[in-house]
Amino acid sequence: MEEEKVNPMDLNGDGKVTFGEKVQYYAGKAGEKVEEGVKKVYEGVKEDAKDALEDAKVLAAKAKEKGKEVYDKAADKAKDVYAEAKEKGAEVVDKAKAKIDELKEKKA
């Protein structure tokens, strides 16, 4: 038995292909192509997102390292300022004591 060739555009299987069936058939094919294109774009975007994530991880590590350097420098500077303030404070206290002693001697 020979198989009849079926036209894929004959959507209702009546053996006739109408203009409406052609439009529906080509719209379906266009939809398939759009879907394929969207999948390709999605895969590309997915790969780009992976690359961006890796880049972000590298930049975050660099920023963390740089932040630690800045923190360490600021901490060192704060220690220097504290030491200087402590030294100047001691000088002020010593001068005040000396002045108090001087005034006490004058009263005596």
PDB file of N, CA and C in Angstrom:
ATOM      1  N   MET A   1       0.818  -1.161   0.000  1.00  0.00           N
ATOM      2  CA  MET A   1       0.000   0.000   0.000  1.00  0.00           C
ATOM      3  C   MET A   1       0.875   1.242   0.000  1.00  0.00           C
ATOM      4  N   GLU A   2       0.595   2.128  -0.898  1.00  0.00           N
ATOM      5  CA  GLU A   2       1.361   3.373  -0.985  1.00  0.00           C
ATOM      6  C   GLU A   2       0.828   4.404  -0.014  1.00  0.00           C
ATOM      7  N   GLU A   3       1.762   5.059   0.633  1.00  0.00           N
ATOM      8  CA  GLU A   3       1.351   6.118   1.552  1.00  0.00           C
ATOM      9  C   GLU A   3       1.126   7.393   0.764  1.00  0.00           C
ATOM     10  N   GLU A   4       0.045   8.064   1.107  1.00  0.00           N
ATOM     11  CA  GLU A   4      -0.209   9.340   0.467  1.00  0.00           C
ATOM     12  C   GLU A   4       0.707  10.382   1.092  1.00  0.00           C
ATOM     13  N   LYS A   5       1.203  11.243   0.265  1.00  0.00           N
ATOM     14  CA  LYS A   5       2.018  12.342   0.781  1.00  0.00           C
ATOM     15  C   LYS A   5       1.070  13.383   1.369  1.00  0.00           C
ATOM     16  N   VAL A   6       1.309  13.697   2.597  1.00  0.00           N
ATOM     17  CA  VAL A   6       0.454  14.666   3.287  1.00  0.00           C
ATOM     18  C   VAL A   6       1.170  16.007   3.285  1.00  0.00           C
ATOM     19  N   ASN A   7       0.480  17.016   2.864  1.00  0.00           N
ATOM     20  CA  ASN A   7       1.032  18.374   2.875  1.00  0.00           C
ATOM     21  C   ASN A   7       0.965  18.904   4.310  1.00  0.00           C
ATOM     22  N   PRO A   8       2.109  19.290   4.872  1.00  0.00           N
ATOM     23  CA  PRO A   8       2.104  19.763   6.258  1.00  0.00           C
ATOM     24  C   PRO A   8       1.277  21.033   6.457  1.00  0.00           C
ATOM     25  N   MET A   9       0.997  21.742   5.358  1.00  0.00           N
ATOM     26  CA  MET A   9       0.189  22.952   5.477  1.00  0.00           C
ATOM     27  C   MET A   9      -1.306  22.635   5.556  1.00  0.00           C
ATOM     28  N   ASP A  10      -1.683  21.396   5.257  1.00  0.00           N
ATOM     29  CA  ASP A  10      -3.087  20.993   5.354  1.00  0.00           C
ATOM     30  C   ASP A  10      -3.372  20.689   6.821  1.00  0.00           C
ATOM     31  N   LEU A  11      -3.658  21.721   7.557  1.00  0.00           N
ATOM     32  CA  LEU A  11      -3.775  21.608   9.013  1.00  0.00           C
ATOM     33  C   LEU A  11      -5.016  20.851   9.464  1.00  0.00           C
ATOM     34  N   ASN A  12      -6.084  20.887   8.673  1.00  0.00           N
ATOM     35  CA  ASN A  12      -7.290  20.171   9.097  1.00  0.00           C
ATOM     36  C   ASN A  12      -7.422  18.805   8.426  1.00  0.00           C
ATOM     37  N   GLY A  13      -6.435  18.448   7.572  1.00  0.00           N
ATOM     38  CA  GLY A  13      -6.401  17.127   6.951  1.00  0.00           C
ATOM     39  C   GLY A  13      -7.491  16.849   5.932  1.00  0.00           C
ATOM     40  N   ASP A  14      -8.035  17.899   5.328  1.00  0.00           N
ATOM     41  CA  ASP A  14      -9.099  17.673   4.357  1.00  0.00           C
ATOM     42  C   ASP A  14      -8.595  17.521   2.927  1.00  0.00           C
ATOM     43  N   GLY A  15      -7.284  17.538   2.761  1.00  0.00           N
ATOM     44  CA  GLY A  15      -6.702  17.390   1.439  1.00  0.00           C
ATOM     45  C   GLY A  15      -6.573  18.690   0.676  1.00  0.00           C
ATOM     46  N   LYS A  16      -7.067  19.765   1.223  1.00  0.00           N
ATOM     47  CA  LYS A  16      -6.986  21.078   0.583  1.00  0.00           C
ATOM     48  C   LYS A  16      -6.213  22.023   1.508  1.00  0.00           C
ATOM     49  N   VAL A  17      -5.419  22.866   0.883  1.00  0.00           N
ATOM     50  CA  VAL A  17      -4.667  23.863   1.653  1.00  0.00           C
ATOM     51  C   VAL A  17      -5.250  25.225   1.325  1.00  0.00           C
ATOM     52  N   THR A  18      -5.880  25.810   2.331  1.00  0.00           N
ATOM     53  CA  THR A  18      -6.474  27.130   2.137  1.00  0.00           C
ATOM     54  C   THR A  18      -5.463  28.207   2.486  1.00  0.00           C
ATOM     55  N   PHE A  19      -5.807  29.436   2.112  1.00  0.00           N
ATOM     56  CA  PHE A  19      -4.943  30.572   2.438  1.00  0.00           C
ATOM     57  C   PHE A  19      -4.801  30.687   3.958  1.00  0.00           C
ATOM     58  N   GLY A  20      -5.867  30.491   4.684  1.00  0.00           N
ATOM     59  CA  GLY A  20      -5.832  30.562   6.146  1.00  0.00           C
ATOM     60  C   GLY A  20      -4.906  29.522   6.740  1.00  0.00           C
ATOM     61  N   GLU A  21      -4.925  28.299   6.149  1.00  0.00           N
ATOM     62  CA  GLU A  21      -4.035  27.243   6.644  1.00  0.00           C
ATOM     63  C   GLU A  21      -2.581  27.602   6.370  1.00  0.00           C
ATOM     64  N   LYS A  22      -2.344  28.205   5.207  1.00  0.00           N
ATOM     65  CA  LYS A  22      -0.971  28.622   4.887  1.00  0.00           C
ATOM     66  C   LYS A  22      -0.492  29.670   5.891  1.00  0.00           C
ATOM     67  N   VAL A  23      -1.362  30.628   6.181  1.00  0.00           N
ATOM     68  CA  VAL A  23      -1.005  31.683   7.137  1.00  0.00           C
ATOM     69  C   VAL A  23      -0.712  31.062   8.503  1.00  0.00           C
ATOM     70  N   GLN A  24      -1.586  30.152   8.945  1.00  0.00           N
ATOM     71  CA  GLN A  24      -1.374  29.496  10.240  1.00  0.00           C
ATOM     72  C   GLN A  24      -0.083  28.676  10.238  1.00  0.00           C
ATOM     73  N   TYR A  25       0.165  27.968   9.152  1.00  0.00           N
ATOM     74  CA  TYR A  25       1.358  27.125   9.052  1.00  0.00           C
ATOM     75  C   TYR A  25       2.624  27.989   9.153  1.00  0.00           C
ATOM     76  N   TYR A  26       2.665  29.061   8.332  1.00  0.00           N
ATOM     77  CA  TYR A  26       3.860  29.909   8.341  1.00  0.00           C
ATOM     78  C   TYR A  26       3.990  30.686   9.651  1.00  0.00           C
ATOM     79  N   ALA A  27       2.884  31.027  10.274  1.00  0.00           N
ATOM     80  CA  ALA A  27       2.942  31.688  11.582  1.00  0.00           C
ATOM     81  C   ALA A  27       3.537  30.734  12.613  1.00  0.00           C
ATOM     82  N   GLY A  28       3.129  29.472  12.530  1.00  0.00           N
ATOM     83  CA  GLY A  28       3.699  28.470  13.435  1.00  0.00           C
ATOM     84  C   GLY A  28       5.184  28.296  13.220  1.00  0.00           C
ATOM     85  N   LYS A  29       5.592  28.223  11.933  1.00  0.00           N
ATOM     86  CA  LYS A  29       7.023  28.094  11.629  1.00  0.00           C
ATOM     87  C   LYS A  29       7.790  29.318  12.125  1.00  0.00           C
ATOM     88  N   ALA A  30       7.195  30.510  11.920  1.00  0.00           N
ATOM     89  CA  ALA A  30       7.854  31.734  12.395  1.00  0.00           C
ATOM     90  C   ALA A  30       7.982  31.696  13.914  1.00  0.00           C
ATOM     91  N   GLY A  31       6.945  31.229  14.578  1.00  0.00           N
ATOM     92  CA  GLY A  31       6.995  31.102  16.043  1.00  0.00           C
ATOM     93  C   GLY A  31       8.097  30.164  16.487  1.00  0.00           C
ATOM     94  N   GLU A  32       8.270  29.058  15.757  1.00  0.00           N
ATOM     95  CA  GLU A  32       9.348  28.115  16.090  1.00  0.00           C
ATOM     96  C   GLU A  32      10.706  28.785  15.944  1.00  0.00           C
ATOM     97  N   LYS A  33      10.870  29.563  14.867  1.00  0.00           N
ATOM     98  CA  LYS A  33      12.149  30.253  14.640  1.00  0.00           C
ATOM     99  C   LYS A  33      12.394  31.287  15.737  1.00  0.00           C
ATOM    100  N   VAL A  34      11.332  31.997  16.115  1.00  0.00           N
ATOM    101  CA  VAL A  34      11.482  32.989  17.191  1.00  0.00           C
ATOM    102  C   VAL A  34      11.883  32.278  18.478  1.00  0.00           C
ATOM    103  N   GLU A  35      11.247  31.152  18.752  1.00  0.00           N
ATOM    104  CA  GLU A  35      11.567  30.390  19.964  1.00  0.00           C
ATOM    105  C   GLU A  35      13.019  29.917  19.933  1.00  0.00           C
ATOM    106  N   GLU A  36      13.481  29.444  18.777  1.00  0.00           N
ATOM    107  CA  GLU A  36      14.885  29.030  18.645  1.00  0.00           C
ATOM    108  C   GLU A  36      15.814  30.209  18.906  1.00  0.00           C
ATOM    109  N   GLY A  37      15.446  31.361  18.319  1.00  0.00           N
ATOM    110  CA  GLY A  37      16.269  32.562  18.518  1.00  0.00           C
ATOM    111  C   GLY A  37      16.316  32.979  19.969  1.00  0.00           C
ATOM    112  N   VAL A  38      15.163  32.922  20.628  1.00  0.00           N
ATOM    113  CA  VAL A  38      15.104  33.292  22.041  1.00  0.00           C
ATOM    114  C   VAL A  38      15.967  32.343  22.864  1.00  0.00           C
ATOM    115  N   LYS A  39      15.913  31.061  22.545  1.00  0.00           N
ATOM    116  CA  LYS A  39      16.742  30.090  23.277  1.00  0.00           C
ATOM    117  C   LYS A  39      18.218  30.400  23.095  1.00  0.00           C
ATOM    118  N   LYS A  40      18.604  30.731  21.850  1.00  0.00           N
ATOM    119  CA  LYS A  40      20.012  31.057  21.598  1.00  0.00           C
ATOM    120  C   LYS A  40      20.423  32.314  22.379  1.00  0.00           C
ATOM    121  N   VAL A  41      19.550  33.317  22.354  1.00  0.00           N
ATOM    122  CA  VAL A  41      19.850  34.550  23.090  1.00  0.00           C
ATOM    123  C   VAL A  41      19.949  34.246  24.578  1.00  0.00           C
ATOM    124  N   TYR A  42      19.006  33.441  25.089  1.00  0.00           N
ATOM    125  CA  TYR A  42      19.017  33.080  26.504  1.00  0.00           C
ATOM    126  C   TYR A  42      20.311  32.370  26.874  1.00  0.00           C
ATOM    127  N   GLU A  43      20.732  31.422  26.047  1.00  0.00           N
ATOM    128  CA  GLU A  43      21.985  30.707  26.337  1.00  0.00           C
ATOM    129  C   GLU A  43      23.163  31.673  26.338  1.00  0.00           C
ATOM    130  N   GLY A  44      23.160  32.612  25.372  1.00  0.00           N
ATOM    131  CA  GLY A  44      24.233  33.608  25.326  1.00  0.00           C
ATOM    132  C   GLY A  44      24.237  34.494  26.556  1.00  0.00           C
ATOM    133  N   VAL A  45      23.039  34.925  26.948  1.00  0.00           N
ATOM    134  CA  VAL A  45      22.923  35.782  28.134  1.00  0.00           C
ATOM    135  C   VAL A  45      23.347  35.007  29.374  1.00  0.00           C
ATOM    136  N   LYS A  46      22.971  33.734  29.423  1.00  0.00           N
ATOM    137  CA  LYS A  46      23.343  32.905  30.571  1.00  0.00           C
ATOM    138  C   LYS A  46      24.869  32.816  30.677  1.00  0.00           C
ATOM    139  N   GLU A  47      25.529  32.624  29.554  1.00  0.00           N
ATOM    140  CA  GLU A  47      26.998  32.563  29.567  1.00  0.00           C
ATOM    141  C   GLU A  47      27.584  33.911  29.966  1.00  0.00           C
ATOM    142  N   ASP A  48      27.000  34.994  29.413  1.00  0.00           N
ATOM    143  CA  ASP A  48      27.476  36.333  29.771  1.00  0.00           C
ATOM    144  C   ASP A  48      27.298  36.581  31.269  1.00  0.00           C
ATOM    145  N   ALA A  49      26.169  36.108  31.815  1.00  0.00           N
ATOM    146  CA  ALA A  49      25.913  36.290  33.246  1.00  0.00           C
ATOM    147  C   ALA A  49      26.948  35.517  34.070  1.00  0.00           C
ATOM    148  N   LYS A  50      27.292  34.310  33.625  1.00  0.00           N
ATOM    149  CA  LYS A  50      28.320  33.539  34.339  1.00  0.00           C
ATOM    150  C   LYS A  50      29.643  34.292  34.327  1.00  0.00           C
ATOM    151  N   ASP A  51      30.000  34.824  33.143  1.00  0.00           N
ATOM    152  CA  ASP A  51      31.247  35.579  33.033  1.00  0.00           C
ATOM    153  C   ASP A  51      31.209  36.815  33.929  1.00  0.00           C
ATOM    154  N   ALA A  52      30.070  37.506  33.923  1.00  0.00           N
ATOM    155  CA  ALA A  52      29.940  38.710  34.751  1.00  0.00           C
ATOM    156  C   ALA A  52      30.058  38.363  36.229  1.00  0.00           C
ATOM    157  N   LEU A  53      29.489  37.232  36.615  1.00  0.00           N
ATOM    158  CA  LEU A  53      29.574  36.800  38.016  1.00  0.00           C
ATOM    159  C   LEU A  53      31.022  36.520  38.399  1.00  0.00           C
ATOM    160  N   GLU A  54      31.747  35.857  37.525  1.00  0.00           N
ATOM    161  CA  GLU A  54      33.159  35.583  37.806  1.00  0.00           C
ATOM    162  C   GLU A  54      33.937  36.892  37.916  1.00  0.00           C
ATOM    163  N   ASP A  55      33.667  37.832  36.989  1.00  0.00           N
ATOM    164  CA  ASP A  55      34.331  39.140  37.048  1.00  0.00           C
ATOM    165  C   ASP A  55      33.989  39.855  38.355  1.00  0.00           C
ATOM    166  N   ALA A  56      32.729  39.771  38.751  1.00  0.00           N
ATOM    167  CA  ALA A  56      32.310  40.427  39.993  1.00  0.00           C
ATOM    168  C   ALA A  56      33.020  39.821  41.198  1.00  0.00           C
ATOM    169  N   LYS A  57      33.197  38.507  41.185  1.00  0.00           N
ATOM    170  CA  LYS A  57      33.905  37.861  42.292  1.00  0.00           C
ATOM    171  C   LYS A  57      35.349  38.347  42.374  1.00  0.00           C
ATOM    172  N   VAL A  58      36.000  38.466  41.221  1.00  0.00           N
ATOM    173  CA  VAL A  58      37.385  38.941  41.182  1.00  0.00           C
ATOM    174  C   VAL A  58      37.453  40.380  41.691  1.00  0.00           C
ATOM    175  N   LEU A  59      36.517  41.221  41.213  1.00  0.00           N
ATOM    176  CA  LEU A  59      36.514  42.618  41.642  1.00  0.00           C
ATOM    177  C   LEU A  59      36.203  42.740  43.132  1.00  0.00           C
ATOM    178  N   ALA A  60      35.315  41.901  43.631  1.00  0.00           N
ATOM    179  CA  ALA A  60      34.998  41.937  45.060  1.00  0.00           C
ATOM    180  C   ALA A  60      36.222  41.570  45.891  1.00  0.00           C
ATOM    181  N   ALA A  61      36.956  40.580  45.434  1.00  0.00           N
ATOM    182  CA  ALA A  61      38.174  40.179  46.155  1.00  0.00           C
ATOM    183  C   ALA A  61      39.194  41.317  46.148  1.00  0.00           C
ATOM    184  N   LYS A  62      39.336  41.975  44.983  1.00  0.00           N
ATOM    185  CA  LYS A  62      40.270  43.104  44.898  1.00  0.00           C
ATOM    186  C   LYS A  62      39.819  44.246  45.804  1.00  0.00           C
ATOM    187  N   ALA A  63      38.513  44.527  45.804  1.00  0.00           N
ATOM    188  CA  ALA A  63      37.988  45.608  46.642  1.00  0.00           C
ATOM    189  C   ALA A  63      38.199  45.289  48.115  1.00  0.00           C
ATOM    190  N   LYS A  64      38.006  44.035  48.476  1.00  0.00           N
ATOM    191  CA  LYS A  64      38.212  43.626  49.871  1.00  0.00           C
ATOM    192  C   LYS A  64      39.672  43.829  50.265  1.00  0.00           C
ATOM    193  N   GLU A  65      40.575  43.433  49.364  1.00  0.00           N
ATOM    194  CA  GLU A  65      42.007  43.582  49.628  1.00  0.00           C
ATOM    195  C   GLU A  65      42.369  45.065  49.756  1.00  0.00           C
ATOM    196  N   LYS A  66      41.838  45.868  48.820  1.00  0.00           N
ATOM    197  CA  LYS A  66      42.137  47.299  48.843  1.00  0.00           C
ATOM    198  C   LYS A  66      41.551  47.939  50.096  1.00  0.00           C
ATOM    199  N   GLY A  67      40.347  47.508  50.463  1.00  0.00           N
ATOM    200  CA  GLY A  67      39.712  48.036  51.672  1.00  0.00           C
ATOM    201  C   GLY A  67      40.535  47.733  52.907  1.00  0.00           C
ATOM    202  N   LYS A  68      41.113  46.539  52.956  1.00  0.00           N
ATOM    203  CA  LYS A  68      41.954  46.172  54.096  1.00  0.00           C
ATOM    204  C   LYS A  68      43.195  47.054  54.137  1.00  0.00           C
ATOM    205  N   GLU A  69      43.767  47.324  52.970  1.00  0.00           N
ATOM    206  CA  GLU A  69      44.944  48.198  52.933  1.00  0.00           C
ATOM    207  C   GLU A  69      44.592  49.585  53.458  1.00  0.00           C
ATOM    208  N   VAL A  70      43.463  50.118  53.004  1.00  0.00           N
ATOM    209  CA  VAL A  70      43.036  51.451  53.437  1.00  0.00           C
ATOM    210  C   VAL A  70      42.759  51.447  54.938  1.00  0.00           C
ATOM    211  N   TYR A  71      42.087  50.395  55.406  1.00  0.00           N
ATOM    212  CA  TYR A  71      41.800  50.273  56.847  1.00  0.00           C
ATOM    213  C   TYR A  71      43.095  50.235  57.646  1.00  0.00           C
ATOM    214  N   ASP A  72      44.051  49.427  57.196  1.00  0.00           N
ATOM    215  CA  ASP A  72      45.322  49.317  57.914  1.00  0.00           C
ATOM    216  C   ASP A  72      46.039  50.663  57.974  1.00  0.00           C
ATOM    217  N   LYS A  73      46.025  51.400  56.847  1.00  0.00           N
ATOM    218  CA  LYS A  73      46.678  52.721  56.835  1.00  0.00           C
ATOM    219  C   LYS A  73      45.965  53.670  57.791  1.00  0.00           C
ATOM    220  N   ALA A  74      44.639  53.633  57.783  1.00  0.00           N
ATOM    221  CA  ALA A  74      43.876  54.514  58.667  1.00  0.00           C
ATOM    222  C   ALA A  74      44.130  54.154  60.129  1.00  0.00           C
ATOM    223  N   ALA A  75      44.203  52.867  60.415  1.00  0.00           N
ATOM    224  CA  ALA A  75      44.462  52.427  61.790  1.00  0.00           C
ATOM    225  C   ALA A  75      45.844  52.892  62.242  1.00  0.00           C
ATOM    226  N   ASP A  76      46.835  52.765  61.349  1.00  0.00           N
ATOM    227  CA  ASP A  76      48.181  53.226  61.691  1.00  0.00           C
ATOM    228  C   ASP A  76      48.191  54.735  61.944  1.00  0.00           C
ATOM    229  N   LYS A  77      47.489  55.472  61.102  1.00  0.00           N
ATOM    230  CA  LYS A  77      47.432  56.926  61.254  1.00  0.00           C
ATOM    231  C   LYS A  77      46.746  57.285  62.576  1.00  0.00           C
ATOM    232  N   ALA A  78      45.665  56.560  62.891  1.00  0.00           N
ATOM    233  CA  ALA A  78      44.953  56.816  64.148  1.00  0.00           C
ATOM    234  C   ALA A  78      45.869  56.554  65.344  1.00  0.00           C
ATOM    235  N   LYS A  79      46.683  55.504  65.268  1.00  0.00           N
ATOM    236  CA  LYS A  79      47.623  55.202  66.352  1.00  0.00           C
ATOM    237  C   LYS A  79      48.632  56.342  66.506  1.00  0.00           C
ATOM    238  N   ASP A  80      49.116  56.851  65.358  1.00  0.00           N
ATOM    239  CA  ASP A  80      50.078  57.961  65.403  1.00  0.00           C
ATOM    240  C   ASP A  80      49.447  59.211  66.018  1.00  0.00           C
ATOM    241  N   VAL A  81      48.224  59.515  65.607  1.00  0.00           N
ATOM    242  CA  VAL A  81      47.534  60.698  66.131  1.00  0.00           C
ATOM    243  C   VAL A  81      47.294  60.539  67.630  1.00  0.00           C
ATOM    244  N   TYR A  82      46.889  59.345  68.039  1.00  0.00           N
ATOM    245  CA  TYR A  82      46.664  59.085  69.467  1.00  0.00           C
ATOM    246  C   TYR A  82      47.959  59.274  70.270  1.00  0.00           C
ATOM    247  N   ALA A  83      49.047  58.710  69.763  1.00  0.00           N
ATOM    248  CA  ALA A  83      50.330  58.835  70.465  1.00  0.00           C
ATOM    249  C   ALA A  83      50.746  60.295  70.580  1.00  0.00           C
ATOM    250  N   GLU A  84      50.549  61.044  69.499  1.00  0.00           N
ATOM    251  CA  GLU A  84      50.912  62.460  69.507  1.00  0.00           C
ATOM    252  C   GLU A  84      50.032  63.227  70.499  1.00  0.00           C
ATOM    253  N   ALA A  85      48.733  62.920  70.499  1.00  0.00           N
ATOM    254  CA  ALA A  85      47.811  63.597  71.414  1.00  0.00           C
ATOM    255  C   ALA A  85      48.165  63.250  72.861  1.00  0.00           C
ATOM    256  N   LYS A  86      48.522  62.025  73.109  1.00  0.00           N
ATOM    257  CA  LYS A  86      48.890  61.598  74.460  1.00  0.00           C
ATOM    258  C   LYS A  86      50.135  62.356  74.927  1.00  0.00           C
ATOM    259  N   GLU A  87      51.080  62.474  74.009  1.00  0.00           N
ATOM    260  CA  GLU A  87      52.324  63.183  74.331  1.00  0.00           C
ATOM    261  C   GLU A  87      52.040  64.660  74.616  1.00  0.00           C
ATOM    262  N   LYS A  88      51.238  65.283  73.757  1.00  0.00           N
ATOM    263  CA  LYS A  88      50.920  66.713  73.960  1.00  0.00           C
ATOM    264  C   LYS A  88      50.096  66.897  75.226  1.00  0.00           C
ATOM    265  N   GLY A  89      49.201  65.938  75.500  1.00  0.00           N
ATOM    266  CA  GLY A  89      48.405  66.004  76.726  1.00  0.00           C
ATOM    267  C   GLY A  89      49.294  65.944  77.954  1.00  0.00           C
ATOM    268  N   ALA A  90      50.300  65.089  77.911  1.00  0.00           N
ATOM    269  CA  ALA A  90      51.237  64.971  79.034  1.00  0.00           C
ATOM    270  C   ALA A  90      51.999  66.280  79.219  1.00  0.00           C
ATOM    271  N   GLU A  91      52.375  66.907  78.105  1.00  0.00           N
ATOM    272  CA  GLU A  91      53.081  68.190  78.179  1.00  0.00           C
ATOM    273  C   GLU A  91      52.197  69.250  78.839  1.00  0.00           C
ATOM    274  N   VAL A  92      50.913  69.272  78.431  1.00  0.00           N
ATOM    275  CA  VAL A  92      49.988  70.255  79.002  1.00  0.00           C
ATOM    276  C   VAL A  92      49.824  70.010  80.500  1.00  0.00           C
ATOM    277  N   VAL A  93      49.679  68.755  80.895  1.00  0.00           N
ATOM    278  CA  VAL A  93      49.545  68.423  82.319  1.00  0.00           C
ATOM    279  C   VAL A  93      50.794  68.836  83.077  1.00  0.00           C
ATOM    280  N   ASP A  94      51.967  68.550  82.498  1.00  0.00           N
ATOM    281  CA  ASP A  94      53.220  68.933  83.163  1.00  0.00           C
ATOM    282  C   ASP A  94      53.318  70.455  83.324  1.00  0.00           C
ATOM    283  N   LYS A  95      52.947  71.196  82.298  1.00  0.00           N
ATOM    284  CA  LYS A  95      52.986  72.663  82.385  1.00  0.00           C
ATOM    285  C   LYS A  95      51.996  73.161  83.431  1.00  0.00           C
ATOM    286  N   ALA A  96      50.819  72.554  83.477  1.00  0.00           N
ATOM    287  CA  ALA A  96      49.810  72.968  84.460  1.00  0.00           C
ATOM    288  C   ALA A  96      50.311  72.696  85.873  1.00  0.00           C
ATOM    289  N   LYS A  97      50.919  71.529  86.081  1.00  0.00           N
ATOM    290  CA  LYS A  97      51.470  71.206  87.414  1.00  0.00           C
ATOM    291  C   LYS A  97      52.558  72.202  87.795  1.00  0.00           C
ATOM    292  N   ALA A  98      53.396  72.512  86.811  1.00  0.00           N
ATOM    293  CA  ALA A  98      54.479  73.466  87.087  1.00  0.00           C
ATOM    294  C   ALA A  98      53.909  74.828  87.450  1.00  0.00           C
ATOM    295  N   LYS A  99      52.877  75.251  86.764  1.00  0.00           N
ATOM    296  CA  LYS A  99      52.258  76.551  87.046  1.00  0.00           C
ATOM    297  C   LYS A  99      51.620  76.535  88.426  1.00  0.00           C
ATOM    298  N   ILE A 100      50.947  75.413  88.756  1.00  0.00           N
ATOM    299  CA  ILE A 100      50.325  75.289  90.078  1.00  0.00           C
ATOM    300  C   ILE A 100      51.396  75.348  91.164  1.00  0.00           C
ATOM    301  N   ASP A 101      52.494  74.625  90.934  1.00  0.00           N
ATOM    302  CA  ASP A 101      53.590  74.643  91.912  1.00  0.00           C
ATOM    303  C   ASP A 101      54.164  76.051  92.054  1.00  0.00           C
ATOM    304  N   GLU A 102      54.278  76.753  90.945  1.00  0.00           N
ATOM    305  CA  GLU A 102      54.824  78.116  90.957  1.00  0.00           C
ATOM    306  C   GLU A 102      53.904  79.035  91.763  1.00  0.00           C
ATOM    307  N   LEU A 103      52.587  78.890  91.552  1.00  0.00           N
ATOM    308  CA  LEU A 103      51.631  79.717  92.288  1.00  0.00           C
ATOM    309  C   LEU A 103      51.639  79.390  93.768  1.00  0.00           C
ATOM    310  N   LYS A 104      51.790  78.111  94.091  1.00  0.00           N
ATOM    311  CA  LYS A 104      51.850  77.707  95.494  1.00  0.00           C
ATOM    312  C   LYS A 104      53.057  78.310  96.177  1.00  0.00           C
ATOM    313  N   GLU A 105      54.196  78.352  95.470  1.00  0.00           N
ATOM    314  CA  GLU A 105      55.399  78.912  96.054  1.00  0.00           C
ATOM    315  C   GLU A 105      55.272  80.408  96.279  1.00  0.00           C
ATOM    316  N   LYS A 106      54.577  81.083  95.380  1.00  0.00           N
ATOM    317  CA  LYS A 106      54.401  82.523  95.533  1.00  0.00           C
ATOM    318  C   LYS A 106      53.513  82.851  96.735  1.00  0.00           C
ATOM    319  N   LYS A 107      52.543  81.994  96.994  1.00  0.00           N
ATOM    320  CA  LYS A 107      51.628  82.218  98.122  1.00  0.00           C
ATOM    321  C   LYS A 107      52.311  81.887  99.446  1.00  0.00           C
ATOM    322  N   ALA A 108      53.263  81.031  99.380  1.00  0.00           N
ATOM    323  CA  ALA A 108      53.888  80.597 100.617  1.00  0.00           C
ATOM    324  C   ALA A 108      54.864  81.541 101.180  1.00  0.00           C
TER     325      ALA A 108
END
